[in-house]
Amino acid sequence: MLTLDLTGVRSKKGLFEALATHLKLPKYFGHNWDALADCLMDDSWAKRGGYTIIVLDATAAGRRFGDDWNTLTDIFDEACIWWSEHDKPFHVVLT
């Protein structure tokens, strides 16, 4: 289980930094949406048997980030579907 704490994150740059740190993304993560999608759907990142990502402060973050929040949740949805097609559990819980 990984926890993505977005409490106090106010900028897109801060969001990408939180994603990189809390999700333990590889050093080559490019801090953009395409890079996030690539990392989340990469066997070299997801070495565990499965993942659950708990997103803290999701409701407030959704208001703060608007369209960027929609993009993030779309990428999470795509990753959940992609991993289910590869028989690996991957869940994102927004709290």
N, C-alpha and C. Protein backbone atom coordinates (compact mmCIF):
# COMPACT_ATOMS: atom_id res chain seq x y z
N MET A 1 0.83 -1.17 0.00
CA MET A 1 0.00 0.00 0.00
C MET A 1 0.88 1.24 0.00
N LEU A 2 0.49 2.21 -0.81
CA LEU A 2 1.18 3.49 -0.87
C LEU A 2 0.18 4.58 -0.52
N THR A 3 0.67 5.61 0.18
CA THR A 3 -0.19 6.74 0.55
C THR A 3 0.30 7.99 -0.16
N LEU A 4 -0.62 8.62 -0.88
CA LEU A 4 -0.34 9.88 -1.56
C LEU A 4 -1.05 10.98 -0.78
N ASP A 5 -0.30 11.71 0.02
CA ASP A 5 -0.88 12.76 0.86
C ASP A 5 -0.80 14.09 0.12
N LEU A 6 -1.96 14.61 -0.24
CA LEU A 6 -2.02 15.86 -0.99
C LEU A 6 -2.39 17.05 -0.11
N THR A 7 -2.39 16.84 1.19
CA THR A 7 -2.68 17.93 2.12
C THR A 7 -1.66 19.04 1.94
N GLY A 8 -2.13 20.22 1.65
CA GLY A 8 -1.24 21.37 1.51
C GLY A 8 -0.58 21.51 0.15
N VAL A 9 -0.76 20.56 -0.75
CA VAL A 9 -0.17 20.67 -2.09
C VAL A 9 -1.04 21.65 -2.88
N ARG A 10 -0.41 22.69 -3.41
CA ARG A 10 -1.18 23.77 -4.04
C ARG A 10 -0.85 24.00 -5.52
N SER A 11 0.26 23.47 -6.00
CA SER A 11 0.66 23.74 -7.37
C SER A 11 0.79 22.44 -8.16
N LYS A 12 0.75 22.57 -9.46
CA LYS A 12 0.94 21.40 -10.33
C LYS A 12 2.33 20.82 -10.11
N LYS A 13 3.32 21.68 -9.96
CA LYS A 13 4.68 21.21 -9.67
C LYS A 13 4.70 20.43 -8.36
N GLY A 14 4.03 20.95 -7.34
CA GLY A 14 3.96 20.27 -6.06
C GLY A 14 3.24 18.93 -6.17
N LEU A 15 2.22 18.88 -7.02
CA LEU A 15 1.49 17.63 -7.24
C LEU A 15 2.42 16.58 -7.84
N PHE A 16 3.17 16.95 -8.85
CA PHE A 16 4.10 15.99 -9.47
C PHE A 16 5.19 15.56 -8.48
N GLU A 17 5.65 16.49 -7.66
CA GLU A 17 6.65 16.13 -6.65
C GLU A 17 6.07 15.15 -5.64
N ALA A 18 4.82 15.38 -5.22
CA ALA A 18 4.17 14.46 -4.28
C ALA A 18 3.99 13.09 -4.92
N LEU A 19 3.57 13.06 -6.17
CA LEU A 19 3.42 11.78 -6.87
C LEU A 19 4.75 11.03 -6.93
N ALA A 20 5.80 11.73 -7.31
CA ALA A 20 7.11 11.10 -7.42
C ALA A 20 7.58 10.53 -6.09
N THR A 21 7.42 11.30 -5.04
CA THR A 21 7.91 10.90 -3.72
C THR A 21 7.06 9.81 -3.10
N HIS A 22 5.76 10.05 -3.00
CA HIS A 22 4.87 9.13 -2.29
C HIS A 22 4.65 7.82 -3.03
N LEU A 23 4.68 7.87 -4.35
CA LEU A 23 4.47 6.64 -5.13
C LEU A 23 5.79 5.95 -5.47
N LYS A 24 6.88 6.56 -5.01
CA LYS A 24 8.21 5.97 -5.24
C LYS A 24 8.45 5.69 -6.73
N LEU A 25 8.14 6.71 -7.53
CA LEU A 25 8.33 6.58 -8.97
C LEU A 25 9.82 6.58 -9.31
N PRO A 26 10.18 5.98 -10.42
CA PRO A 26 11.60 5.91 -10.80
C PRO A 26 12.20 7.29 -11.03
N LYS A 27 13.50 7.36 -10.91
CA LYS A 27 14.21 8.64 -11.07
C LYS A 27 13.98 9.26 -12.45
N TYR A 28 13.69 8.44 -13.45
CA TYR A 28 13.48 8.97 -14.80
C TYR A 28 12.09 9.58 -15.00
N PHE A 29 11.23 9.56 -13.95
CA PHE A 29 9.89 10.16 -14.06
C PHE A 29 10.02 11.61 -14.50
N GLY A 30 9.34 11.97 -15.58
CA GLY A 30 9.50 13.28 -16.21
C GLY A 30 8.61 14.39 -15.69
N HIS A 31 7.87 14.16 -14.60
CA HIS A 31 7.02 15.19 -14.00
C HIS A 31 6.03 15.79 -15.00
N ASN A 32 5.37 14.92 -15.76
CA ASN A 32 4.29 15.33 -16.64
C ASN A 32 3.30 14.16 -16.73
N TRP A 33 2.13 14.41 -17.31
CA TRP A 33 1.07 13.40 -17.31
C TRP A 33 1.45 12.15 -18.09
N ASP A 34 2.06 12.32 -19.26
CA ASP A 34 2.46 11.15 -20.05
C ASP A 34 3.47 10.30 -19.29
N ALA A 35 4.39 10.94 -18.62
CA ALA A 35 5.41 10.20 -17.86
C ALA A 35 4.77 9.46 -16.69
N LEU A 36 3.77 10.08 -16.04
CA LEU A 36 3.09 9.41 -14.95
C LEU A 36 2.39 8.16 -15.45
N ALA A 37 1.66 8.28 -16.54
CA ALA A 37 0.98 7.11 -17.11
C ALA A 37 1.99 6.02 -17.46
N ASP A 38 3.09 6.42 -18.08
CA ASP A 38 4.12 5.43 -18.44
C ASP A 38 4.66 4.71 -17.21
N CYS A 39 4.93 5.45 -16.15
CA CYS A 39 5.49 4.85 -14.94
C CYS A 39 4.50 3.93 -14.25
N LEU A 40 3.25 4.37 -14.14
CA LEU A 40 2.25 3.56 -13.44
C LEU A 40 1.92 2.27 -14.17
N MET A 41 2.16 2.24 -15.48
CA MET A 41 1.87 1.05 -16.26
C MET A 41 3.15 0.40 -16.76
N ASP A 42 4.15 0.37 -15.89
CA ASP A 42 5.46 -0.18 -16.24
C ASP A 42 5.83 -1.27 -15.24
N ASP A 43 6.12 -2.45 -15.76
CA ASP A 43 6.51 -3.57 -14.90
C ASP A 43 7.72 -3.26 -14.04
N SER A 44 8.62 -2.43 -14.52
CA SER A 44 9.82 -2.15 -13.74
C SER A 44 9.50 -1.31 -12.50
N TRP A 45 8.41 -0.52 -12.54
CA TRP A 45 7.98 0.21 -11.34
C TRP A 45 7.17 -0.70 -10.43
N ALA A 46 6.24 -1.41 -11.01
CA ALA A 46 5.29 -2.22 -10.23
C ALA A 46 5.84 -3.63 -10.02
N LYS A 47 6.79 -3.75 -9.14
CA LYS A 47 7.43 -5.03 -8.88
C LYS A 47 6.69 -5.86 -7.84
N ARG A 48 5.80 -5.24 -7.09
CA ARG A 48 5.03 -5.95 -6.06
C ARG A 48 3.93 -6.77 -6.72
N GLY A 49 3.29 -7.60 -5.90
CA GLY A 49 2.19 -8.42 -6.40
C GLY A 49 0.95 -7.62 -6.73
N GLY A 50 0.85 -6.42 -6.23
CA GLY A 50 -0.28 -5.55 -6.48
C GLY A 50 -0.12 -4.26 -5.70
N TYR A 51 -0.96 -3.31 -6.00
CA TYR A 51 -0.85 -2.00 -5.36
C TYR A 51 -2.21 -1.48 -4.96
N THR A 52 -2.24 -0.80 -3.83
CA THR A 52 -3.36 0.03 -3.43
C THR A 52 -2.76 1.39 -3.09
N ILE A 53 -3.28 2.41 -3.74
CA ILE A 53 -2.83 3.78 -3.48
C ILE A 53 -3.96 4.49 -2.74
N ILE A 54 -3.66 4.97 -1.54
CA ILE A 54 -4.62 5.74 -0.76
C ILE A 54 -4.29 7.22 -0.97
N VAL A 55 -5.24 7.96 -1.51
CA VAL A 55 -5.02 9.39 -1.78
C VAL A 55 -5.71 10.19 -0.67
N LEU A 56 -4.91 10.86 0.14
CA LEU A 56 -5.43 11.68 1.23
C LEU A 56 -5.74 13.09 0.74
N ASP A 57 -6.78 13.68 1.26
CA ASP A 57 -7.22 15.04 0.93
C ASP A 57 -7.72 15.14 -0.52
N ALA A 58 -8.31 14.04 -1.01
CA ALA A 58 -8.72 13.98 -2.41
C ALA A 58 -9.83 14.98 -2.75
N THR A 59 -10.80 15.15 -1.88
CA THR A 59 -11.91 16.06 -2.19
C THR A 59 -11.41 17.48 -2.35
N ALA A 60 -10.61 17.94 -1.40
CA ALA A 60 -10.07 19.30 -1.48
C ALA A 60 -9.10 19.44 -2.65
N ALA A 61 -8.31 18.40 -2.89
CA ALA A 61 -7.37 18.45 -4.02
C ALA A 61 -8.12 18.54 -5.34
N GLY A 62 -9.24 17.85 -5.44
CA GLY A 62 -10.05 17.93 -6.65
C GLY A 62 -10.52 19.35 -6.92
N ARG A 63 -10.89 20.06 -5.87
CA ARG A 63 -11.30 21.47 -6.04
C ARG A 63 -10.11 22.35 -6.40
N ARG A 64 -8.96 22.09 -5.78
CA ARG A 64 -7.78 22.92 -6.03
C ARG A 64 -7.22 22.73 -7.44
N PHE A 65 -7.25 21.52 -7.94
CA PHE A 65 -6.55 21.22 -9.18
C PHE A 65 -7.43 21.17 -10.42
N GLY A 66 -8.74 21.15 -10.28
CA GLY A 66 -9.65 21.22 -11.42
C GLY A 66 -9.34 20.23 -12.53
N ASP A 67 -9.03 20.75 -13.72
CA ASP A 67 -8.76 19.89 -14.87
C ASP A 67 -7.57 18.97 -14.64
N ASP A 68 -6.56 19.44 -13.92
CA ASP A 68 -5.41 18.58 -13.62
C ASP A 68 -5.84 17.40 -12.75
N TRP A 69 -6.79 17.62 -11.85
CA TRP A 69 -7.30 16.53 -11.03
C TRP A 69 -8.01 15.50 -11.90
N ASN A 70 -8.80 15.99 -12.86
CA ASN A 70 -9.49 15.08 -13.77
C ASN A 70 -8.49 14.25 -14.56
N THR A 71 -7.41 14.87 -14.98
CA THR A 71 -6.37 14.13 -15.71
C THR A 71 -5.74 13.07 -14.82
N LEU A 72 -5.43 13.44 -13.58
CA LEU A 72 -4.83 12.48 -12.65
C LEU A 72 -5.75 11.29 -12.42
N THR A 73 -7.03 11.55 -12.16
CA THR A 73 -7.94 10.43 -11.90
C THR A 73 -8.16 9.58 -13.15
N ASP A 74 -8.13 10.20 -14.32
CA ASP A 74 -8.21 9.43 -15.57
C ASP A 74 -7.01 8.49 -15.70
N ILE A 75 -5.83 8.98 -15.37
CA ILE A 75 -4.62 8.14 -15.44
C ILE A 75 -4.71 7.01 -14.42
N PHE A 76 -5.17 7.32 -13.21
CA PHE A 76 -5.36 6.26 -12.21
C PHE A 76 -6.34 5.21 -12.74
N ASP A 77 -7.45 5.65 -13.35
CA ASP A 77 -8.43 4.71 -13.90
C ASP A 77 -7.80 3.83 -14.98
N GLU A 78 -7.04 4.45 -15.86
CA GLU A 78 -6.38 3.70 -16.93
C GLU A 78 -5.41 2.67 -16.36
N ALA A 79 -4.67 3.06 -15.32
CA ALA A 79 -3.72 2.13 -14.70
C ALA A 79 -4.46 0.96 -14.05
N CYS A 80 -5.57 1.23 -13.39
CA CYS A 80 -6.36 0.15 -12.78
C CYS A 80 -6.82 -0.85 -13.84
N ILE A 81 -7.31 -0.35 -14.94
CA ILE A 81 -7.77 -1.22 -16.03
C ILE A 81 -6.59 -1.99 -16.62
N TRP A 82 -5.50 -1.28 -16.90
CA TRP A 82 -4.33 -1.91 -17.52
C TRP A 82 -3.80 -3.06 -16.66
N TRP A 83 -3.66 -2.81 -15.35
CA TRP A 83 -3.13 -3.86 -14.47
C TRP A 83 -4.11 -5.01 -14.31
N SER A 84 -5.41 -4.74 -14.32
CA SER A 84 -6.38 -5.84 -14.22
C SER A 84 -6.28 -6.74 -15.45
N GLU A 85 -5.98 -6.16 -16.60
CA GLU A 85 -5.78 -6.94 -17.83
C GLU A 85 -4.50 -7.76 -17.77
N HIS A 86 -3.60 -7.41 -16.85
CA HIS A 86 -2.34 -8.13 -16.66
C HIS A 86 -2.33 -8.93 -15.36
N ASP A 87 -3.55 -9.19 -14.84
CA ASP A 87 -3.74 -10.03 -13.66
C ASP A 87 -2.97 -9.57 -12.43
N LYS A 88 -2.88 -8.26 -12.25
CA LYS A 88 -2.25 -7.71 -11.06
C LYS A 88 -3.20 -6.68 -10.46
N PRO A 89 -3.53 -6.83 -9.17
CA PRO A 89 -4.43 -5.87 -8.55
C PRO A 89 -3.79 -4.49 -8.43
N PHE A 90 -4.55 -3.49 -8.78
CA PHE A 90 -4.11 -2.10 -8.69
C PHE A 90 -5.35 -1.28 -8.39
N HIS A 91 -5.38 -0.68 -7.20
CA HIS A 91 -6.55 0.06 -6.76
C HIS A 91 -6.13 1.44 -6.26
N VAL A 92 -7.01 2.40 -6.47
CA VAL A 92 -6.79 3.75 -5.96
C VAL A 92 -8.03 4.13 -5.13
N VAL A 93 -7.77 4.52 -3.89
CA VAL A 93 -8.84 4.89 -2.97
C VAL A 93 -8.70 6.38 -2.67
N LEU A 94 -9.75 7.14 -2.99
CA LEU A 94 -9.74 8.58 -2.73
C LEU A 94 -10.40 8.84 -1.40
N THR A 95 -9.68 9.51 -0.49
CA THR A 95 -10.25 9.81 0.83
C THR A 95 -10.21 11.30 1.10
